[in-house]
Amino acid sequence: EGKSFLSINLAASLARVEKKVLIM
């Protein structure tokens, strides 16, 4: 259903606005 896809792209989107993001 796209869990890993959402994790990668949502994390990238948050990182673009100067948020420190960690994917586990």
PDB file of all heavy atoms in Angstrom:
ATOM      1  N   GLU A   1       0.805  -1.220   0.000  1.00  0.00           N
ATOM      2  CA  GLU A   1       0.000   0.000   0.000  1.00  0.00           C
ATOM      3  C   GLU A   1       0.840   1.273   0.000  1.00  0.00           C
ATOM      4  O   GLU A   1       0.292   2.365  -0.106  1.00  0.00           O
ATOM      5  CB  GLU A   1      -0.948  -0.001   1.204  1.00  0.00           C
ATOM      6  CG  GLU A   1      -1.987  -1.104   1.110  1.00  0.00           C
ATOM      7  CD  GLU A   1      -2.877  -1.200   2.326  1.00  0.00           C
ATOM      8  OE1 GLU A   1      -2.375  -1.601   3.392  1.00  0.00           O
ATOM      9  OE2 GLU A   1      -4.057  -0.869   2.221  1.00  0.00           O
ATOM     10  N   GLY A   2       2.163   1.150   0.104  1.00  0.00           N
ATOM     11  CA  GLY A   2       3.025   2.314  -0.068  1.00  0.00           C
ATOM     12  C   GLY A   2       3.572   2.914   1.204  1.00  0.00           C
ATOM     13  O   GLY A   2       3.814   4.122   1.270  1.00  0.00           O
ATOM     14  N   LYS A   3       3.833   2.104   2.221  1.00  0.00           N
ATOM     15  CA  LYS A   3       4.358   2.641   3.489  1.00  0.00           C
ATOM     16  C   LYS A   3       5.765   3.204   3.313  1.00  0.00           C
ATOM     17  O   LYS A   3       6.063   4.327   3.756  1.00  0.00           O
ATOM     18  CB  LYS A   3       4.357   1.539   4.550  1.00  0.00           C
ATOM     19  CG  LYS A   3       2.975   1.013   4.889  1.00  0.00           C
ATOM     20  CD  LYS A   3       3.042  -0.119   5.884  1.00  0.00           C
ATOM     21  CE  LYS A   3       3.704  -1.336   5.302  1.00  0.00           C
ATOM     22  NZ  LYS A   3       2.968  -1.902   4.157  1.00  0.00           N
ATOM     23  N   SER A   4       6.641   2.444   2.700  1.00  0.00           N
ATOM     24  CA  SER A   4       8.016   2.891   2.512  1.00  0.00           C
ATOM     25  C   SER A   4       8.077   4.088   1.567  1.00  0.00           C
ATOM     26  O   SER A   4       8.867   5.010   1.758  1.00  0.00           O
ATOM     27  CB  SER A   4       8.884   1.746   1.979  1.00  0.00           C
ATOM     28  OG  SER A   4       8.897   0.671   2.895  1.00  0.00           O
ATOM     29  N   PHE A   5       7.239   4.077   0.538  1.00  0.00           N
ATOM     30  CA  PHE A   5       7.171   5.202  -0.394  1.00  0.00           C
ATOM     31  C   PHE A   5       6.800   6.490   0.344  1.00  0.00           C
ATOM     32  O   PHE A   5       7.416   7.539   0.147  1.00  0.00           O
ATOM     33  CB  PHE A   5       6.151   4.892  -1.476  1.00  0.00           C
ATOM     34  CG  PHE A   5       5.859   6.037  -2.400  1.00  0.00           C
ATOM     35  CD1 PHE A   5       6.681   6.293  -3.472  1.00  0.00           C
ATOM     36  CD2 PHE A   5       4.761   6.858  -2.190  1.00  0.00           C
ATOM     37  CE1 PHE A   5       6.422   7.356  -4.334  1.00  0.00           C
ATOM     38  CE2 PHE A   5       4.499   7.916  -3.036  1.00  0.00           C
ATOM     39  CZ  PHE A   5       5.326   8.161  -4.109  1.00  0.00           C
ATOM     40  N   LEU A   6       5.780   6.418   1.186  1.00  0.00           N
ATOM     41  CA  LEU A   6       5.362   7.597   1.940  1.00  0.00           C
ATOM     42  C   LEU A   6       6.423   8.014   2.940  1.00  0.00           C
ATOM     43  O   LEU A   6       6.678   9.208   3.121  1.00  0.00           O
ATOM     44  CB  LEU A   6       4.034   7.318   2.655  1.00  0.00           C
ATOM     45  CG  LEU A   6       3.497   8.478   3.495  1.00  0.00           C
ATOM     46  CD1 LEU A   6       3.199   9.684   2.612  1.00  0.00           C
ATOM     47  CD2 LEU A   6       2.254   8.056   4.261  1.00  0.00           C
ATOM     48  N   SER A   7       7.063   7.060   3.593  1.00  0.00           N
ATOM     49  CA  SER A   7       8.096   7.380   4.578  1.00  0.00           C
ATOM     50  C   SER A   7       9.234   8.174   3.939  1.00  0.00           C
ATOM     51  O   SER A   7       9.668   9.209   4.467  1.00  0.00           O
ATOM     52  CB  SER A   7       8.642   6.093   5.209  1.00  0.00           C
ATOM     53  OG  SER A   7       7.623   5.370   5.871  1.00  0.00           O
ATOM     54  N   ILE A   8       9.699   7.715   2.790  1.00  0.00           N
ATOM     55  CA  ILE A   8      10.820   8.384   2.121  1.00  0.00           C
ATOM     56  C   ILE A   8      10.435   9.784   1.669  1.00  0.00           C
ATOM     57  O   ILE A   8      11.138  10.770   1.933  1.00  0.00           O
ATOM     58  CB  ILE A   8      11.295   7.540   0.921  1.00  0.00           C
ATOM     59  CG1 ILE A   8      11.884   6.210   1.396  1.00  0.00           C
ATOM     60  CG2 ILE A   8      12.316   8.296   0.092  1.00  0.00           C
ATOM     61  CD1 ILE A   8      12.193   5.238   0.281  1.00  0.00           C
ATOM     62  N   ASN A   9       9.296   9.906   1.015  1.00  0.00           N
ATOM     63  CA  ASN A   9       8.930  11.185   0.413  1.00  0.00           C
ATOM     64  C   ASN A   9       8.410  12.190   1.432  1.00  0.00           C
ATOM     65  O   ASN A   9       8.654  13.392   1.293  1.00  0.00           O
ATOM     66  CB  ASN A   9       7.899  10.956  -0.689  1.00  0.00           C
ATOM     67  CG  ASN A   9       8.502  10.297  -1.905  1.00  0.00           C
ATOM     68  OD1 ASN A   9       9.123  10.957  -2.723  1.00  0.00           O
ATOM     69  ND2 ASN A   9       8.336   8.992  -2.028  1.00  0.00           N
ATOM     70  N   LEU A  10       7.702  11.726   2.461  1.00  0.00           N
ATOM     71  CA  LEU A  10       7.279  12.653   3.503  1.00  0.00           C
ATOM     72  C   LEU A  10       8.484  13.162   4.280  1.00  0.00           C
ATOM     73  O   LEU A  10       8.559  14.346   4.641  1.00  0.00           O
ATOM     74  CB  LEU A  10       6.282  11.961   4.443  1.00  0.00           C
ATOM     75  CG  LEU A  10       5.736  12.825   5.577  1.00  0.00           C
ATOM     76  CD1 LEU A  10       5.041  14.068   5.034  1.00  0.00           C
ATOM     77  CD2 LEU A  10       4.780  12.018   6.452  1.00  0.00           C
ATOM     78  N   ALA A  11       9.448  12.287   4.534  1.00  0.00           N
ATOM     79  CA  ALA A  11      10.666  12.705   5.219  1.00  0.00           C
ATOM     80  C   ALA A  11      11.434  13.717   4.386  1.00  0.00           C
ATOM     81  O   ALA A  11      11.937  14.732   4.905  1.00  0.00           O
ATOM     82  CB  ALA A  11      11.535  11.491   5.509  1.00  0.00           C
ATOM     83  N   ALA A  12      11.523  13.483   3.064  1.00  0.00           N
ATOM     84  CA  ALA A  12      12.209  14.427   2.182  1.00  0.00           C
ATOM     85  C   ALA A  12      11.494  15.770   2.165  1.00  0.00           C
ATOM     86  O   ALA A  12      12.126  16.835   2.152  1.00  0.00           O
ATOM     87  CB  ALA A  12      12.303  13.849   0.779  1.00  0.00           C
ATOM     88  N   SER A  13      10.166  15.740   2.190  1.00  0.00           N
ATOM     89  CA  SER A  13       9.396  16.981   2.192  1.00  0.00           C
ATOM     90  C   SER A  13       9.621  17.767   3.482  1.00  0.00           C
ATOM     91  O   SER A  13       9.777  18.997   3.459  1.00  0.00           O
ATOM     92  CB  SER A  13       7.909  16.657   2.030  1.00  0.00           C
ATOM     93  OG  SER A  13       7.121  17.819   2.078  1.00  0.00           O
ATOM     94  N   LEU A  14       9.647  17.089   4.601  1.00  0.00           N
ATOM     95  CA  LEU A  14       9.888  17.764   5.878  1.00  0.00           C
ATOM     96  C   LEU A  14      11.306  18.318   5.948  1.00  0.00           C
ATOM     97  O   LEU A  14      11.548  19.401   6.495  1.00  0.00           O
ATOM     98  CB  LEU A  14       9.639  16.789   7.028  1.00  0.00           C
ATOM     99  CG  LEU A  14       8.179  16.370   7.257  1.00  0.00           C
ATOM    100  CD1 LEU A  14       8.108  15.199   8.222  1.00  0.00           C
ATOM    101  CD2 LEU A  14       7.360  17.541   7.785  1.00  0.00           C
ATOM    102  N   ALA A  15      12.259  17.576   5.398  1.00  0.00           N
ATOM    103  CA  ALA A  15      13.652  18.036   5.416  1.00  0.00           C
ATOM    104  C   ALA A  15      13.837  19.297   4.575  1.00  0.00           C
ATOM    105  O   ALA A  15      14.725  20.107   4.850  1.00  0.00           O
ATOM    106  CB  ALA A  15      14.576  16.927   4.925  1.00  0.00           C
ATOM    107  N   ARG A  16      12.998  19.496   3.560  1.00  0.00           N
ATOM    108  CA  ARG A  16      13.112  20.673   2.699  1.00  0.00           C
ATOM    109  C   ARG A  16      12.747  21.964   3.422  1.00  0.00           C
ATOM    110  O   ARG A  16      13.107  23.042   2.967  1.00  0.00           O
ATOM    111  CB  ARG A  16      12.212  20.517   1.468  1.00  0.00           C
ATOM    112  CG  ARG A  16      12.619  19.399   0.531  1.00  0.00           C
ATOM    113  CD  ARG A  16      13.962  19.648  -0.099  1.00  0.00           C
ATOM    114  NE  ARG A  16      14.389  18.508  -0.917  1.00  0.00           N
ATOM    115  CZ  ARG A  16      15.607  18.369  -1.401  1.00  0.00           C
ATOM    116  NH1 ARG A  16      16.514  19.285  -1.146  1.00  0.00           N
ATOM    117  NH2 ARG A  16      15.931  17.307  -2.114  1.00  0.00           N
ATOM    118  N   VAL A  17      12.025  21.865   4.513  1.00  0.00           N
ATOM    119  CA  VAL A  17      11.650  23.064   5.266  1.00  0.00           C
ATOM    120  C   VAL A  17      12.491  23.170   6.540  1.00  0.00           C
ATOM    121  O   VAL A  17      12.023  23.654   7.578  1.00  0.00           O
ATOM    122  CB  VAL A  17      10.145  23.053   5.593  1.00  0.00           C
ATOM    123  CG1 VAL A  17       9.327  23.230   4.336  1.00  0.00           C
ATOM    124  CG2 VAL A  17       9.734  21.770   6.319  1.00  0.00           C
ATOM    125  N   GLU A  18      13.731  22.694   6.453  1.00  0.00           N
ATOM    126  CA  GLU A  18      14.717  22.839   7.528  1.00  0.00           C
ATOM    127  C   GLU A  18      14.322  22.110   8.811  1.00  0.00           C
ATOM    128  O   GLU A  18      14.627  22.569   9.919  1.00  0.00           O
ATOM    129  CB  GLU A  18      14.956  24.328   7.844  1.00  0.00           C
ATOM    130  CG  GLU A  18      15.403  25.154   6.648  1.00  0.00           C
ATOM    131  CD  GLU A  18      16.707  24.632   6.041  1.00  0.00           C
ATOM    132  OE1 GLU A  18      17.555  24.143   6.790  1.00  0.00           O
ATOM    133  OE2 GLU A  18      16.851  24.730   4.789  1.00  0.00           O
ATOM    134  N   LYS A  19      13.639  20.988   8.668  1.00  0.00           N
ATOM    135  CA  LYS A  19      13.337  20.140   9.814  1.00  0.00           C
ATOM    136  C   LYS A  19      14.320  18.981   9.832  1.00  0.00           C
ATOM    137  O   LYS A  19      14.627  18.400   8.782  1.00  0.00           O
ATOM    138  CB  LYS A  19      11.902  19.602   9.743  1.00  0.00           C
ATOM    139  CG  LYS A  19      10.825  20.690   9.749  1.00  0.00           C
ATOM    140  CD  LYS A  19      10.751  21.389  11.088  1.00  0.00           C
ATOM    141  CE  LYS A  19       9.597  22.382  11.100  1.00  0.00           C
ATOM    142  NZ  LYS A  19       9.522  23.108  12.395  1.00  0.00           N
ATOM    143  N   LYS A  20      14.817  18.666  11.013  1.00  0.00           N
ATOM    144  CA  LYS A  20      15.701  17.507  11.145  1.00  0.00           C
ATOM    145  C   LYS A  20      14.836  16.259  11.231  1.00  0.00           C
ATOM    146  O   LYS A  20      14.029  16.109  12.154  1.00  0.00           O
ATOM    147  CB  LYS A  20      16.588  17.644  12.388  1.00  0.00           C
ATOM    148  CG  LYS A  20      17.568  18.801  12.331  1.00  0.00           C
ATOM    149  CD  LYS A  20      18.594  18.705  13.453  1.00  0.00           C
ATOM    150  CE  LYS A  20      19.457  17.463  13.286  1.00  0.00           C
ATOM    151  NZ  LYS A  20      20.521  17.388  14.324  1.00  0.00           N
ATOM    152  N   VAL A  21      14.989  15.389  10.255  1.00  0.00           N
ATOM    153  CA  VAL A  21      14.095  14.242  10.108  1.00  0.00           C
ATOM    154  C   VAL A  21      14.908  12.960  10.135  1.00  0.00           C
ATOM    155  O   VAL A  21      16.007  12.885   9.574  1.00  0.00           O
ATOM    156  CB  VAL A  21      13.293  14.324   8.789  1.00  0.00           C
ATOM    157  CG1 VAL A  21      12.261  13.209   8.719  1.00  0.00           C
ATOM    158  CG2 VAL A  21      12.611  15.688   8.659  1.00  0.00           C
ATOM    159  N   LEU A  22      14.332  11.955  10.772  1.00  0.00           N
ATOM    160  CA  LEU A  22      14.952  10.629  10.839  1.00  0.00           C
ATOM    161  C   LEU A  22      13.937   9.588  10.389  1.00  0.00           C
ATOM    162  O   LEU A  22      12.803   9.558  10.870  1.00  0.00           O
ATOM    163  CB  LEU A  22      15.408  10.319  12.268  1.00  0.00           C
ATOM    164  CG  LEU A  22      15.942   8.900  12.506  1.00  0.00           C
ATOM    165  CD1 LEU A  22      17.253   8.686  11.763  1.00  0.00           C
ATOM    166  CD2 LEU A  22      16.121   8.625  13.997  1.00  0.00           C
ATOM    167  N   ILE A  23      14.359   8.739   9.440  1.00  0.00           N
ATOM    168  CA  ILE A  23      13.540   7.600   9.025  1.00  0.00           C
ATOM    169  C   ILE A  23      14.072   6.352   9.729  1.00  0.00           C
ATOM    170  O   ILE A  23      15.262   6.058   9.649  1.00  0.00           O
ATOM    171  CB  ILE A  23      13.589   7.382   7.506  1.00  0.00           C
ATOM    172  CG1 ILE A  23      13.184   8.647   6.750  1.00  0.00           C
ATOM    173  CG2 ILE A  23      12.680   6.232   7.100  1.00  0.00           C
ATOM    174  CD1 ILE A  23      13.333   8.519   5.249  1.00  0.00           C
ATOM    175  N   MET A  24      13.167   5.614  10.367  1.00  0.00           N
ATOM    176  CA  MET A  24      13.555   4.364  11.023  1.00  0.00           C
ATOM    177  C   MET A  24      12.927   3.199  10.264  1.00  0.00           C
ATOM    178  O   MET A  24      11.702   3.074  10.197  1.00  0.00           O
ATOM    179  CB  MET A  24      13.118   4.361  12.483  1.00  0.00           C
ATOM    180  CG  MET A  24      13.744   5.465  13.318  1.00  0.00           C
ATOM    181  SD  MET A  24      13.416   5.285  15.087  1.00  0.00           S
ATOM    182  CE  MET A  24      14.374   3.812  15.463  1.00  0.00           C
TER     183      MET A  24
END
